[in-house]
Amino acid sequence: GMPVPLIMEFPTYHGDGISERMVFDFIPYNNSSAWGVELNQHEITLKRAMVDCFKTQLNTISSFPLEKESFRLAPQYDFSSSPHQGVLLYEFYDWGMSVKDWLVLSTGARRLMGLEQNI
């Protein structure tokens, strides 16, 4: 068969479990480590132009730094448990989703895909 590609992730935003919105920061997961790349002026200008095109999320992503990109290998997440202790960021809003709902949906999706173990 073909080799399995590496799955990378980048930070966006999440809650700290209490009330703060954490921006451009990874949720800690089993000592996984991240690395960053400092962008040059041309890359920063290009990134600014791309961010400016994303009008529907401009208020959300305008606080992301432009001068750096961060990455890490995506951990093998356990989708049967909450990503962190405390209240999840989306639970502070009336978006119709709770961690309990998410866990039911993720369990159903894994079952539907025939995934007995976490991915």
C-alpha atoms as a PDB file:
ATOM      1  CA  GLY A   1       0.000   0.000   0.000  1.00  0.00           C
ATOM      2  CA  MET A   2       0.844   3.641  -0.062  1.00  0.00           C
ATOM      3  CA  PRO A   3       2.559   5.336   2.880  1.00  0.00           C
ATOM      4  CA  VAL A   4       0.282   7.206   5.253  1.00  0.00           C
ATOM      5  CA  PRO A   5       0.873  10.969   5.003  1.00  0.00           C
ATOM      6  CA  LEU A   6       1.835  12.989   8.049  1.00  0.00           C
ATOM      7  CA  ILE A   7      -1.083  14.979   9.382  1.00  0.00           C
ATOM      8  CA  MET A   8      -0.067  18.466  10.464  1.00  0.00           C
ATOM      9  CA  GLU A   9      -2.111  21.015  12.365  1.00  0.00           C
ATOM     10  CA  PHE A  10      -1.859  24.707  13.054  1.00  0.00           C
ATOM     11  CA  PRO A  11      -3.244  26.658  15.995  1.00  0.00           C
ATOM     12  CA  THR A  12      -6.347  28.789  15.730  1.00  0.00           C
ATOM     13  CA  TYR A  13      -8.220  29.515  18.952  1.00  0.00           C
ATOM     14  CA  HIS A  14      -9.775  27.673  21.855  1.00  0.00           C
ATOM     15  CA  GLY A  15     -10.917  28.317  25.388  1.00  0.00           C
ATOM     16  CA  ASP A  16      -8.825  27.882  28.500  1.00  0.00           C
ATOM     17  CA  GLY A  17     -11.634  26.029  30.283  1.00  0.00           C
ATOM     18  CA  ILE A  18     -12.615  29.015  32.408  1.00  0.00           C
ATOM     19  CA  SER A  19     -13.385  32.117  30.354  1.00  0.00           C
ATOM     20  CA  GLU A  20     -10.385  33.191  28.283  1.00  0.00           C
ATOM     21  CA  ARG A  21     -10.077  32.769  24.541  1.00  0.00           C
ATOM     22  CA  MET A  22      -6.608  31.522  23.707  1.00  0.00           C
ATOM     23  CA  VAL A  23      -5.418  32.706  20.294  1.00  0.00           C
ATOM     24  CA  PHE A  24      -2.772  31.102  18.078  1.00  0.00           C
ATOM     25  CA  ASP A  25      -2.038  28.529  20.744  1.00  0.00           C
ATOM     26  CA  PHE A  26      -2.290  24.746  20.705  1.00  0.00           C
ATOM     27  CA  ILE A  27      -4.312  22.855  23.276  1.00  0.00           C
ATOM     28  CA  PRO A  28      -1.649  20.881  25.155  1.00  0.00           C
ATOM     29  CA  TYR A  29      -1.831  17.196  24.272  1.00  0.00           C
ATOM     30  CA  ASN A  30       0.468  14.477  25.620  1.00  0.00           C
ATOM     31  CA  ASN A  31       3.641  16.578  25.420  1.00  0.00           C
ATOM     32  CA  SER A  32       3.324  17.138  21.672  1.00  0.00           C
ATOM     33  CA  SER A  33       5.709  19.846  20.543  1.00  0.00           C
ATOM     34  CA  ALA A  34       5.259  22.600  17.996  1.00  0.00           C
ATOM     35  CA  TRP A  35       7.642  24.629  15.895  1.00  0.00           C
ATOM     36  CA  GLY A  36       7.349  27.980  14.236  1.00  0.00           C
ATOM     37  CA  VAL A  37       8.474  29.767  11.127  1.00  0.00           C
ATOM     38  CA  GLU A  38       9.167  33.499  11.131  1.00  0.00           C
ATOM     39  CA  LEU A  39       7.783  35.096   7.976  1.00  0.00           C
ATOM     40  CA  ASN A  40       9.665  37.662   5.917  1.00  0.00           C
ATOM     41  CA  GLN A  41       8.076  40.984   4.915  1.00  0.00           C
ATOM     42  CA  HIS A  42       6.806  39.671   1.566  1.00  0.00           C
ATOM     43  CA  GLU A  43       5.167  36.675   3.294  1.00  0.00           C
ATOM     44  CA  ILE A  44       3.618  38.925   5.964  1.00  0.00           C
ATOM     45  CA  THR A  45       2.153  41.170   3.247  1.00  0.00           C
ATOM     46  CA  LEU A  46       0.764  38.131   1.423  1.00  0.00           C
ATOM     47  CA  LYS A  47      -0.690  36.716   4.639  1.00  0.00           C
ATOM     48  CA  ARG A  48      -2.320  40.086   5.441  1.00  0.00           C
ATOM     49  CA  ALA A  49      -3.938  40.112   1.976  1.00  0.00           C
ATOM     50  CA  MET A  50      -5.268  36.572   2.511  1.00  0.00           C
ATOM     51  CA  VAL A  51      -6.608  37.405   5.987  1.00  0.00           C
ATOM     52  CA  ASP A  52      -8.314  40.521   4.611  1.00  0.00           C
ATOM     53  CA  CYS A  53     -10.185  38.344   2.086  1.00  0.00           C
ATOM     54  CA  PHE A  54     -11.775  36.316   4.873  1.00  0.00           C
ATOM     55  CA  LYS A  55     -14.331  39.007   5.693  1.00  0.00           C
ATOM     56  CA  THR A  56     -16.792  36.802   7.601  1.00  0.00           C
ATOM     57  CA  GLN A  57     -14.169  35.899  10.211  1.00  0.00           C
ATOM     58  CA  LEU A  58     -12.128  39.110  10.235  1.00  0.00           C
ATOM     59  CA  ASN A  59     -13.028  39.982  13.844  1.00  0.00           C
ATOM     60  CA  THR A  60     -11.951  36.520  14.963  1.00  0.00           C
ATOM     61  CA  ILE A  61      -8.705  36.161  13.038  1.00  0.00           C
ATOM     62  CA  SER A  62      -7.527  39.773  13.220  1.00  0.00           C
ATOM     63  CA  SER A  63      -5.879  38.977  16.565  1.00  0.00           C
ATOM     64  CA  PHE A  64      -3.746  36.206  15.035  1.00  0.00           C
ATOM     65  CA  PRO A  65      -0.103  37.226  14.582  1.00  0.00           C
ATOM     66  CA  LEU A  66       0.984  37.862  11.013  1.00  0.00           C
ATOM     67  CA  GLU A  67       4.729  37.444  11.473  1.00  0.00           C
ATOM     68  CA  LYS A  68       4.769  33.756  12.415  1.00  0.00           C
ATOM     69  CA  GLU A  69       3.274  30.387  11.482  1.00  0.00           C
ATOM     70  CA  SER A  70       3.231  27.500  13.954  1.00  0.00           C
ATOM     71  CA  PHE A  71       2.779  23.795  13.266  1.00  0.00           C
ATOM     72  CA  ARG A  72       2.873  20.440  14.977  1.00  0.00           C
ATOM     73  CA  LEU A  73       2.280  16.842  14.041  1.00  0.00           C
ATOM     74  CA  ALA A  74      -1.362  16.184  14.816  1.00  0.00           C
ATOM     75  CA  PRO A  75      -1.549  13.931  17.862  1.00  0.00           C
ATOM     76  CA  GLN A  76      -3.657  10.787  17.817  1.00  0.00           C
ATOM     77  CA  TYR A  77      -6.581  12.492  19.478  1.00  0.00           C
ATOM     78  CA  ASP A  78      -9.004  10.693  21.736  1.00  0.00           C
ATOM     79  CA  PHE A  79     -12.317  11.900  20.318  1.00  0.00           C
ATOM     80  CA  SER A  80     -14.210  10.066  23.055  1.00  0.00           C
ATOM     81  CA  SER A  81     -13.244  12.658  25.676  1.00  0.00           C
ATOM     82  CA  SER A  82     -13.216  16.428  26.020  1.00  0.00           C
ATOM     83  CA  PRO A  83     -10.135  18.181  24.569  1.00  0.00           C
ATOM     84  CA  HIS A  84      -9.499  19.916  27.910  1.00  0.00           C
ATOM     85  CA  GLN A  85     -10.937  20.330  31.390  1.00  0.00           C
ATOM     86  CA  GLY A  86     -13.569  22.958  32.065  1.00  0.00           C
ATOM     87  CA  VAL A  87     -15.965  24.705  29.728  1.00  0.00           C
ATOM     88  CA  LEU A  88     -15.169  24.539  26.014  1.00  0.00           C
ATOM     89  CA  LEU A  89     -15.071  27.852  24.165  1.00  0.00           C
ATOM     90  CA  TYR A  90     -18.163  27.146  22.057  1.00  0.00           C
ATOM     91  CA  GLU A  91     -20.145  26.346  25.209  1.00  0.00           C
ATOM     92  CA  PHE A  92     -19.912  30.028  26.208  1.00  0.00           C
ATOM     93  CA  TYR A  93     -22.055  30.873  23.166  1.00  0.00           C
ATOM     94  CA  ASP A  94     -25.571  29.900  22.155  1.00  0.00           C
ATOM     95  CA  TRP A  95     -24.409  27.844  19.185  1.00  0.00           C
ATOM     96  CA  GLY A  96     -26.425  24.730  20.012  1.00  0.00           C
ATOM     97  CA  MET A  97     -23.403  22.551  20.778  1.00  0.00           C
ATOM     98  CA  SER A  98     -22.096  21.211  24.067  1.00  0.00           C
ATOM     99  CA  VAL A  99     -19.224  18.881  24.854  1.00  0.00           C
ATOM    100  CA  LYS A 100     -21.803  16.183  25.620  1.00  0.00           C
ATOM    101  CA  ASP A 101     -23.370  16.649  22.156  1.00  0.00           C
ATOM    102  CA  TRP A 102     -19.922  16.613  20.512  1.00  0.00           C
ATOM    103  CA  LEU A 103     -18.941  13.366  22.229  1.00  0.00           C
ATOM    104  CA  VAL A 104     -22.184  11.666  21.136  1.00  0.00           C
ATOM    105  CA  LEU A 105     -21.671  12.855  17.542  1.00  0.00           C
ATOM    106  CA  SER A 106     -17.989  11.887  17.415  1.00  0.00           C
ATOM    107  CA  THR A 107     -18.738   8.429  18.833  1.00  0.00           C
ATOM    108  CA  GLY A 108     -21.472   7.939  16.220  1.00  0.00           C
ATOM    109  CA  ALA A 109     -19.183   9.104  13.415  1.00  0.00           C
ATOM    110  CA  ARG A 110     -16.390   6.742  14.475  1.00  0.00           C
ATOM    111  CA  ARG A 111     -18.871   3.876  14.650  1.00  0.00           C
ATOM    112  CA  LEU A 112     -20.287   4.757  11.201  1.00  0.00           C
ATOM    113  CA  MET A 113     -16.764   4.785   9.723  1.00  0.00           C
ATOM    114  CA  GLY A 114     -15.886   1.485  11.378  1.00  0.00           C
ATOM    115  CA  LEU A 115     -13.186   3.008  13.545  1.00  0.00           C
ATOM    116  CA  GLU A 116     -13.068   1.045  16.754  1.00  0.00           C
ATOM    117  CA  GLN A 117     -10.047   2.901  18.068  1.00  0.00           C
ATOM    118  CA  ASN A 118      -9.292   6.595  18.310  1.00  0.00           C
ATOM    119  CA  ILE A 119      -7.786   8.307  15.307  1.00  0.00           C
END
